[in-house]
């Protein structure tokens, strides 16, 4: 009689183990489908403007005007 109980208990443990394994596999597949890590690089980039504000898109390039008077007053090297 103890032999039949042992095999019954073994079968029950095996069934529980298989159920756990299937549930774990389903959870793993669900996590992989809903995974949003590793998105596009442009989504992860952050830019800082001249005032220190964080922006999601790059700030417009600043156009600097050259003063010609400053350039004229600089000494030129001899060649």
PDB file of N, CA and C in Angstrom:
ATOM      1  N   UNK A   1       0.819  -1.199   0.000  1.00  0.00           N
ATOM      2  CA  UNK A   1       0.000   0.000   0.000  1.00  0.00           C
ATOM      3  C   UNK A   1       0.866   1.267   0.000  1.00  0.00           C
ATOM      4  N   UNK A   2       1.982   1.210   0.636  1.00  0.00           N
ATOM      5  CA  UNK A   2       2.835   2.389   0.668  1.00  0.00           C
ATOM      6  C   UNK A   2       3.434   2.669  -0.703  1.00  0.00           C
ATOM      7  N   UNK A   3       3.614   1.660  -1.516  1.00  0.00           N
ATOM      8  CA  UNK A   3       4.173   1.856  -2.848  1.00  0.00           C
ATOM      9  C   UNK A   3       3.232   2.678  -3.721  1.00  0.00           C
ATOM     10  N   UNK A   4       1.953   2.424  -3.651  1.00  0.00           N
ATOM     11  CA  UNK A   4       1.001   3.185  -4.458  1.00  0.00           C
ATOM     12  C   UNK A   4       0.914   4.628  -3.986  1.00  0.00           C
ATOM     13  N   UNK A   5       1.030   4.849  -2.683  1.00  0.00           N
ATOM     14  CA  UNK A   5       1.004   6.220  -2.169  1.00  0.00           C
ATOM     15  C   UNK A   5       2.243   6.978  -2.641  1.00  0.00           C
ATOM     16  N   UNK A   6       3.380   6.314  -2.616  1.00  0.00           N
ATOM     17  CA  UNK A   6       4.612   6.968  -3.058  1.00  0.00           C
ATOM     18  C   UNK A   6       4.513   7.389  -4.521  1.00  0.00           C
ATOM     19  N   UNK A   7       4.001   6.517  -5.361  1.00  0.00           N
ATOM     20  CA  UNK A   7       3.887   6.866  -6.772  1.00  0.00           C
ATOM     21  C   UNK A   7       2.857   7.971  -6.976  1.00  0.00           C
ATOM     22  N   UNK A   8       1.791   7.968  -6.190  1.00  0.00           N
ATOM     23  CA  UNK A   8       0.784   9.026  -6.284  1.00  0.00           C
ATOM     24  C   UNK A   8       1.401  10.371  -5.898  1.00  0.00           C
ATOM     25  N   UNK A   9       2.150  10.379  -4.802  1.00  0.00           N
ATOM     26  CA  UNK A   9       2.794  11.611  -4.340  1.00  0.00           C
ATOM     27  C   UNK A   9       3.812  12.094  -5.378  1.00  0.00           C
ATOM     28  N   UNK A  10       4.576  11.159  -5.943  1.00  0.00           N
ATOM     29  CA  UNK A  10       5.542  11.527  -6.981  1.00  0.00           C
ATOM     30  C   UNK A  10       4.835  12.150  -8.175  1.00  0.00           C
ATOM     31  N   UNK A  11       3.717  11.572  -8.584  1.00  0.00           N
ATOM     32  CA  UNK A  11       2.957  12.111  -9.718  1.00  0.00           C
ATOM     33  C   UNK A  11       2.438  13.505  -9.407  1.00  0.00           C
ATOM     34  N   UNK A  12       1.939  13.711  -8.182  1.00  0.00           N
ATOM     35  CA  UNK A  12       1.425  15.022  -7.801  1.00  0.00           C
ATOM     36  C   UNK A  12       2.550  16.066  -7.808  1.00  0.00           C
ATOM     37  N   UNK A  13       3.701  15.698  -7.287  1.00  0.00           N
ATOM     38  CA  UNK A  13       4.841  16.623  -7.279  1.00  0.00           C
ATOM     39  C   UNK A  13       5.276  16.958  -8.703  1.00  0.00           C
ATOM     40  N   UNK A  14       5.282  15.953  -9.567  1.00  0.00           N
ATOM     41  CA  UNK A  14       5.674  16.175 -10.959  1.00  0.00           C
ATOM     42  C   UNK A  14       4.687  17.108 -11.652  1.00  0.00           C
ATOM     43  N   UNK A  15       3.383  16.936 -11.368  1.00  0.00           N
ATOM     44  CA  UNK A  15       2.367  17.813 -11.961  1.00  0.00           C
ATOM     45  C   UNK A  15       2.550  19.248 -11.482  1.00  0.00           C
ATOM     46  N   UNK A  16       2.782  19.425 -10.176  1.00  0.00           N
ATOM     47  CA  UNK A  16       2.991  20.766  -9.635  1.00  0.00           C
ATOM     48  C   UNK A  16       4.214  21.420 -10.277  1.00  0.00           C
ATOM     49  N   UNK A  17       5.271  20.612 -10.421  1.00  0.00           N
ATOM     50  CA  UNK A  17       6.502  21.129 -11.013  1.00  0.00           C
ATOM     51  C   UNK A  17       6.269  21.565 -12.454  1.00  0.00           C
ATOM     52  N   UNK A  18       5.529  20.775 -13.219  1.00  0.00           N
ATOM     53  CA  UNK A  18       5.230  21.123 -14.608  1.00  0.00           C
ATOM     54  C   UNK A  18       4.375  22.385 -14.685  1.00  0.00           C
ATOM     55  N   UNK A  19       3.374  22.503 -13.782  1.00  0.00           N
ATOM     56  CA  UNK A  19       2.533  23.699 -13.770  1.00  0.00           C
ATOM     57  C   UNK A  19       3.369  24.946 -13.469  1.00  0.00           C
ATOM     58  N   UNK A  20       4.236  24.854 -12.470  1.00  0.00           N
ATOM     59  CA  UNK A  20       5.090  25.995 -12.137  1.00  0.00           C
ATOM     60  C   UNK A  20       5.972  26.380 -13.315  1.00  0.00           C
ATOM     61  N   UNK A  21       6.514  25.373 -13.976  1.00  0.00           N
ATOM     62  CA  UNK A  21       7.395  25.624 -15.113  1.00  0.00           C
ATOM     63  C   UNK A  21       6.638  26.315 -16.243  1.00  0.00           C
ATOM     64  N   UNK A  22       5.403  25.863 -16.522  1.00  0.00           N
ATOM     65  CA  UNK A  22       4.596  26.484 -17.578  1.00  0.00           C
ATOM     66  C   UNK A  22       4.243  27.922 -17.222  1.00  0.00           C
ATOM     67  N   UNK A  23       3.849  28.152 -15.960  1.00  0.00           N
ATOM     68  CA  UNK A  23       3.504  29.510 -15.531  1.00  0.00           C
ATOM     69  C   UNK A  23       4.715  30.438 -15.637  1.00  0.00           C
ATOM     70  N   UNK A  24       5.858  29.918 -15.237  1.00  0.00           N
ATOM     71  CA  UNK A  24       7.080  30.721 -15.314  1.00  0.00           C
ATOM     72  C   UNK A  24       7.406  31.067 -16.762  1.00  0.00           C
ATOM     73  N   UNK A  25       7.251  30.109 -17.656  1.00  0.00           N
ATOM     74  CA  UNK A  25       7.511  30.345 -19.078  1.00  0.00           C
ATOM     75  C   UNK A  25       6.542  31.389 -19.637  1.00  0.00           C
ATOM     76  N   UNK A  26       5.268  31.319 -19.232  1.00  0.00           N
ATOM     77  CA  UNK A  26       4.276  32.303 -19.691  1.00  0.00           C
ATOM     78  C   UNK A  26       4.630  33.698 -19.193  1.00  0.00           C
ATOM     79  N   UNK A  27       5.021  33.804 -17.920  1.00  0.00           N
ATOM     80  CA  UNK A  27       5.404  35.112 -17.375  1.00  0.00           C
ATOM     81  C   UNK A  27       6.626  35.666 -18.110  1.00  0.00           C
ATOM     82  N   UNK A  28       7.579  34.792 -18.426  1.00  0.00           N
ATOM     83  CA  UNK A  28       8.783  35.224 -19.138  1.00  0.00           C
ATOM     84  C   UNK A  28       8.433  35.741 -20.530  1.00  0.00           C
ATOM     85  N   UNK A  29       7.550  35.022 -21.229  1.00  0.00           N
ATOM     86  CA  UNK A  29       7.137  35.465 -22.566  1.00  0.00           C
ATOM     87  C   UNK A  29       6.399  36.794 -22.493  1.00  0.00           C
ATOM     88  N   UNK A  30       5.546  36.948 -21.485  1.00  0.00           N
ATOM     89  CA  UNK A  30       4.794  38.191 -21.333  1.00  0.00           C
ATOM     90  C   UNK A  30       5.742  39.362 -21.066  1.00  0.00           C
ATOM     91  N   UNK A  31       6.743  39.155 -20.228  1.00  0.00           N
ATOM     92  CA  UNK A  31       7.723  40.212 -19.958  1.00  0.00           C
ATOM     93  C   UNK A  31       8.485  40.582 -21.219  1.00  0.00           C
ATOM     94  N   UNK A  32       8.838  39.591 -22.026  1.00  0.00           N
ATOM     95  CA  UNK A  32       9.578  39.868 -23.257  1.00  0.00           C
ATOM     96  C   UNK A  32       8.720  40.641 -24.249  1.00  0.00           C
ATOM     97  N   UNK A  33       7.427  40.332 -24.320  1.00  0.00           N
ATOM     98  CA  UNK A  33       6.543  41.038 -25.251  1.00  0.00           C
ATOM     99  C   UNK A  33       6.326  42.476 -24.812  1.00  0.00           C
ATOM    100  N   UNK A  34       6.230  42.710 -23.513  1.00  0.00           N
ATOM    101  CA  UNK A  34       5.965  44.048 -22.994  1.00  0.00           C
ATOM    102  C   UNK A  34       7.246  44.812 -22.685  1.00  0.00           C
ATOM    103  N   UNK A  35       8.365  44.292 -23.110  1.00  0.00           N
ATOM    104  CA  UNK A  35       9.646  44.925 -22.834  1.00  0.00           C
ATOM    105  C   UNK A  35       9.797  46.177 -23.692  1.00  0.00           C
ATOM    106  N   UNK A  36      10.027  47.312 -23.037  1.00  0.00           N
ATOM    107  CA  UNK A  36      10.246  48.551 -23.785  1.00  0.00           C
ATOM    108  C   UNK A  36      11.640  49.112 -23.510  1.00  0.00           C
ATOM    109  N   UNK A  37      12.499  48.291 -22.943  1.00  0.00           N
ATOM    110  CA  UNK A  37      13.874  48.734 -22.722  1.00  0.00           C
ATOM    111  C   UNK A  37      14.621  48.727 -24.048  1.00  0.00           C
ATOM    112  N   UNK A  38      15.656  49.488 -24.084  1.00  0.00           N
ATOM    113  CA  UNK A  38      16.496  49.515 -25.278  1.00  0.00           C
ATOM    114  C   UNK A  38      15.795  50.162 -26.454  1.00  0.00           C
ATOM    115  N   UNK A  39      15.004  51.202 -26.174  1.00  0.00           N
ATOM    116  CA  UNK A  39      14.317  51.911 -27.245  1.00  0.00           C
ATOM    117  C   UNK A  39      15.310  52.639 -28.128  1.00  0.00           C
ATOM    118  N   UNK A  40      14.806  53.481 -28.948  1.00  0.00           N
ATOM    119  CA  UNK A  40      15.671  54.226 -29.863  1.00  0.00           C
ATOM    120  C   UNK A  40      16.576  55.177 -29.084  1.00  0.00           C
ATOM    121  N   UNK A  41      17.726  55.425 -29.633  1.00  0.00           N
ATOM    122  CA  UNK A  41      18.691  56.296 -28.980  1.00  0.00           C
ATOM    123  C   UNK A  41      18.151  57.719 -28.865  1.00  0.00           C
ATOM    124  N   UNK A  42      17.410  58.170 -29.856  1.00  0.00           N
ATOM    125  CA  UNK A  42      16.882  59.536 -29.825  1.00  0.00           C
ATOM    126  C   UNK A  42      15.879  59.720 -28.689  1.00  0.00           C
ATOM    127  N   UNK A  43      15.208  58.644 -28.273  1.00  0.00           N
ATOM    128  CA  UNK A  43      14.274  58.740 -27.151  1.00  0.00           C
ATOM    129  C   UNK A  43      15.010  58.889 -25.827  1.00  0.00           C
ATOM    130  N   UNK A  44      16.232  58.392 -25.766  1.00  0.00           N
ATOM    131  CA  UNK A  44      16.985  58.422 -24.516  1.00  0.00           C
ATOM    132  C   UNK A  44      17.857  59.667 -24.384  1.00  0.00           C
ATOM    133  N   UNK A  45      18.030  60.417 -25.462  1.00  0.00           N
ATOM    134  CA  UNK A  45      18.917  61.575 -25.434  1.00  0.00           C
ATOM    135  C   UNK A  45      18.246  62.757 -24.738  1.00  0.00           C
ATOM    136  N   UNK A  46      19.043  63.539 -24.037  1.00  0.00           N
ATOM    137  CA  UNK A  46      18.577  64.771 -23.415  1.00  0.00           C
ATOM    138  C   UNK A  46      19.581  65.868 -23.764  1.00  0.00           C
ATOM    139  N   UNK A  47      19.084  67.048 -24.010  1.00  0.00           N
ATOM    140  CA  UNK A  47      19.931  68.173 -24.385  1.00  0.00           C
ATOM    141  C   UNK A  47      19.770  69.286 -23.353  1.00  0.00           C
ATOM    142  N   UNK A  48      20.800  70.084 -23.196  1.00  0.00           N
ATOM    143  CA  UNK A  48      20.767  71.200 -22.260  1.00  0.00           C
ATOM    144  C   UNK A  48      20.981  72.476 -23.058  1.00  0.00           C
ATOM    145  N   UNK A  49      20.079  73.455 -22.871  1.00  0.00           N
ATOM    146  CA  UNK A  49      20.244  74.723 -23.582  1.00  0.00           C
ATOM    147  C   UNK A  49      21.177  75.639 -22.792  1.00  0.00           C
ATOM    148  N   UNK A  50      21.372  76.873 -23.292  1.00  0.00           N
ATOM    149  CA  UNK A  50      22.340  77.774 -22.662  1.00  0.00           C
ATOM    150  C   UNK A  50      21.910  78.242 -21.277  1.00  0.00           C
ATOM    151  N   UNK A  51      20.624  78.077 -20.939  1.00  0.00           N
ATOM    152  CA  UNK A  51      20.119  78.483 -19.632  1.00  0.00           C
ATOM    153  C   UNK A  51      20.103  77.325 -18.637  1.00  0.00           C
ATOM    154  N   UNK A  52      20.492  76.130 -19.074  1.00  0.00           N
ATOM    155  CA  UNK A  52      20.544  74.970 -18.184  1.00  0.00           C
ATOM    156  C   UNK A  52      19.270  74.151 -18.157  1.00  0.00           C
ATOM    157  N   UNK A  53      18.326  74.455 -19.040  1.00  0.00           N
ATOM    158  CA  UNK A  53      17.086  73.682 -19.095  1.00  0.00           C
ATOM    159  C   UNK A  53      17.308  72.402 -19.890  1.00  0.00           C
ATOM    160  N   UNK A  54      16.675  71.315 -19.436  1.00  0.00           N
ATOM    161  CA  UNK A  54      16.803  70.032 -20.127  1.00  0.00           C
ATOM    162  C   UNK A  54      15.713  69.934 -21.184  1.00  0.00           C
ATOM    163  N   UNK A  55      16.110  69.604 -22.414  1.00  0.00           N
ATOM    164  CA  UNK A  55      15.189  69.516 -23.539  1.00  0.00           C
ATOM    165  C   UNK A  55      15.244  68.124 -24.146  1.00  0.00           C
ATOM    166  N   UNK A  56      14.152  67.726 -24.807  1.00  0.00           N
ATOM    167  CA  UNK A  56      14.144  66.418 -25.458  1.00  0.00           C
ATOM    168  C   UNK A  56      14.636  66.507 -26.895  1.00  0.00           C
ATOM    169  N   UNK A  57      14.657  67.689 -27.452  1.00  0.00           N
ATOM    170  CA  UNK A  57      15.160  67.864 -28.815  1.00  0.00           C
ATOM    171  C   UNK A  57      16.318  68.864 -28.779  1.00  0.00           C
ATOM    172  N   UNK A  58      17.240  68.792 -29.718  1.00  0.00           N
ATOM    173  CA  UNK A  58      18.418  69.657 -29.659  1.00  0.00           C
ATOM    174  C   UNK A  58      18.045  71.130 -29.824  1.00  0.00           C
ATOM    175  N   UNK A  59      18.713  72.005 -29.079  1.00  0.00           N
ATOM    176  CA  UNK A  59      18.429  73.436 -29.221  1.00  0.00           C
ATOM    177  C   UNK A  59      18.937  73.943 -30.560  1.00  0.00           C
ATOM    178  N   UNK A  60      18.360  75.033 -30.999  1.00  0.00           N
ATOM    179  CA  UNK A  60      18.782  75.615 -32.275  1.00  0.00           C
ATOM    180  C   UNK A  60      20.199  76.164 -32.127  1.00  0.00           C
ATOM    181  N   UNK A  61      21.029  75.963 -33.126  1.00  0.00           N
ATOM    182  CA  UNK A  61      22.411  76.459 -33.012  1.00  0.00           C
ATOM    183  C   UNK A  61      22.432  77.982 -32.959  1.00  0.00           C
ATOM    184  N   UNK A  62      23.277  78.482 -32.112  1.00  0.00           N
ATOM    185  CA  UNK A  62      23.382  79.916 -31.910  1.00  0.00           C
ATOM    186  C   UNK A  62      24.337  80.492 -32.949  1.00  0.00           C
ATOM    187  N   UNK A  63      23.916  81.518 -33.650  1.00  0.00           N
ATOM    188  CA  UNK A  63      24.754  82.146 -34.667  1.00  0.00           C
ATOM    189  C   UNK A  63      25.521  83.277 -33.999  1.00  0.00           C
ATOM    190  N   UNK A  64      26.835  83.171 -34.036  1.00  0.00           N
ATOM    191  CA  UNK A  64      27.670  84.193 -33.418  1.00  0.00           C
ATOM    192  C   UNK A  64      28.176  85.147 -34.489  1.00  0.00           C
ATOM    193  N   UNK A  65      28.096  86.429 -34.205  1.00  0.00           N
ATOM    194  CA  UNK A  65      28.580  87.445 -35.133  1.00  0.00           C
ATOM    195  C   UNK A  65      30.025  87.776 -34.768  1.00  0.00           C
ATOM    196  N   UNK A  66      30.857  87.858 -35.788  1.00  0.00           N
ATOM    197  CA  UNK A  66      32.253  88.216 -35.559  1.00  0.00           C
ATOM    198  C   UNK A  66      32.395  89.732 -35.646  1.00  0.00           C
ATOM    199  N   UNK A  67      33.127  90.265 -34.725  1.00  0.00           N
ATOM    200  CA  UNK A  67      33.450  91.684 -34.800  1.00  0.00           C
ATOM    201  C   UNK A  67      34.712  91.822 -35.647  1.00  0.00           C
ATOM    202  N   UNK A  68      34.577  92.536 -36.754  1.00  0.00           N
ATOM    203  CA  UNK A  68      35.724  92.688 -37.641  1.00  0.00           C
ATOM    204  C   UNK A  68      36.771  93.607 -37.022  1.00  0.00           C
ATOM    205  N   UNK A  69      36.332  94.483 -36.149  1.00  0.00           N
ATOM    206  CA  UNK A  69      37.287  95.378 -35.500  1.00  0.00           C
ATOM    207  C   UNK A  69      38.230  94.585 -34.596  1.00  0.00           C
ATOM    208  N   UNK A  70      37.708  93.570 -33.925  1.00  0.00           N
ATOM    209  CA  UNK A  70      38.551  92.755 -33.058  1.00  0.00           C
ATOM    210  C   UNK A  70      39.591  92.005 -33.883  1.00  0.00           C
ATOM    211  N   UNK A  71      39.162  91.464 -35.005  1.00  0.00           N
ATOM    212  CA  UNK A  71      40.073  90.710 -35.850  1.00  0.00           C
ATOM    213  C   UNK A  71      41.166  91.607 -36.431  1.00  0.00           C
ATOM    214  N   UNK A  72      40.824  92.846 -36.740  1.00  0.00           N
ATOM    215  CA  UNK A  72      41.794  93.758 -37.343  1.00  0.00           C
ATOM    216  C   UNK A  72      42.836  94.196 -36.325  1.00  0.00           C
ATOM    217  N   UNK A  73      42.484  94.247 -35.065  1.00  0.00           N
ATOM    218  CA  UNK A  73      43.423  94.741 -34.060  1.00  0.00           C
ATOM    219  C   UNK A  73      44.420  93.672 -33.611  1.00  0.00           C
ATOM    220  N   UNK A  74      44.189  92.434 -33.955  1.00  0.00           N
ATOM    221  CA  UNK A  74      45.112  91.377 -33.567  1.00  0.00           C
ATOM    222  C   UNK A  74      46.376  91.446 -34.415  1.00  0.00           C
ATOM    223  N   UNK A  75      47.517  91.263 -33.807  1.00  0.00           N
ATOM    224  CA  UNK A  75      48.758  91.276 -34.600  1.00  0.00           C
ATOM    225  C   UNK A  75      48.853  90.009 -35.446  1.00  0.00           C
ATOM    226  N   UNK A  76      49.344  90.176 -36.649  1.00  0.00           N
ATOM    227  CA  UNK A  76      49.472  89.046 -37.560  1.00  0.00           C
ATOM    228  C   UNK A  76      50.886  88.500 -37.481  1.00  0.00           C
ATOM    229  N   UNK A  77      51.034  87.200 -37.544  1.00  0.00           N
ATOM    230  CA  UNK A  77      52.389  86.628 -37.482  1.00  0.00           C
ATOM    231  C   UNK A  77      53.144  86.891 -38.784  1.00  0.00           C
ATOM    232  N   UNK A  78      54.451  87.017 -38.677  1.00  0.00           N
ATOM    233  CA  UNK A  78      55.276  87.252 -39.857  1.00  0.00           C
ATOM    234  C   UNK A  78      55.521  85.931 -40.556  1.00  0.00           C
ATOM    235  N   UNK A  79      55.551  86.005 -41.849  1.00  0.00           N
ATOM    236  CA  UNK A  79      55.808  84.784 -42.624  1.00  0.00           C
ATOM    237  C   UNK A  79      57.067  84.892 -43.424  1.00  0.00           C
TER     238      UNK A  79
END
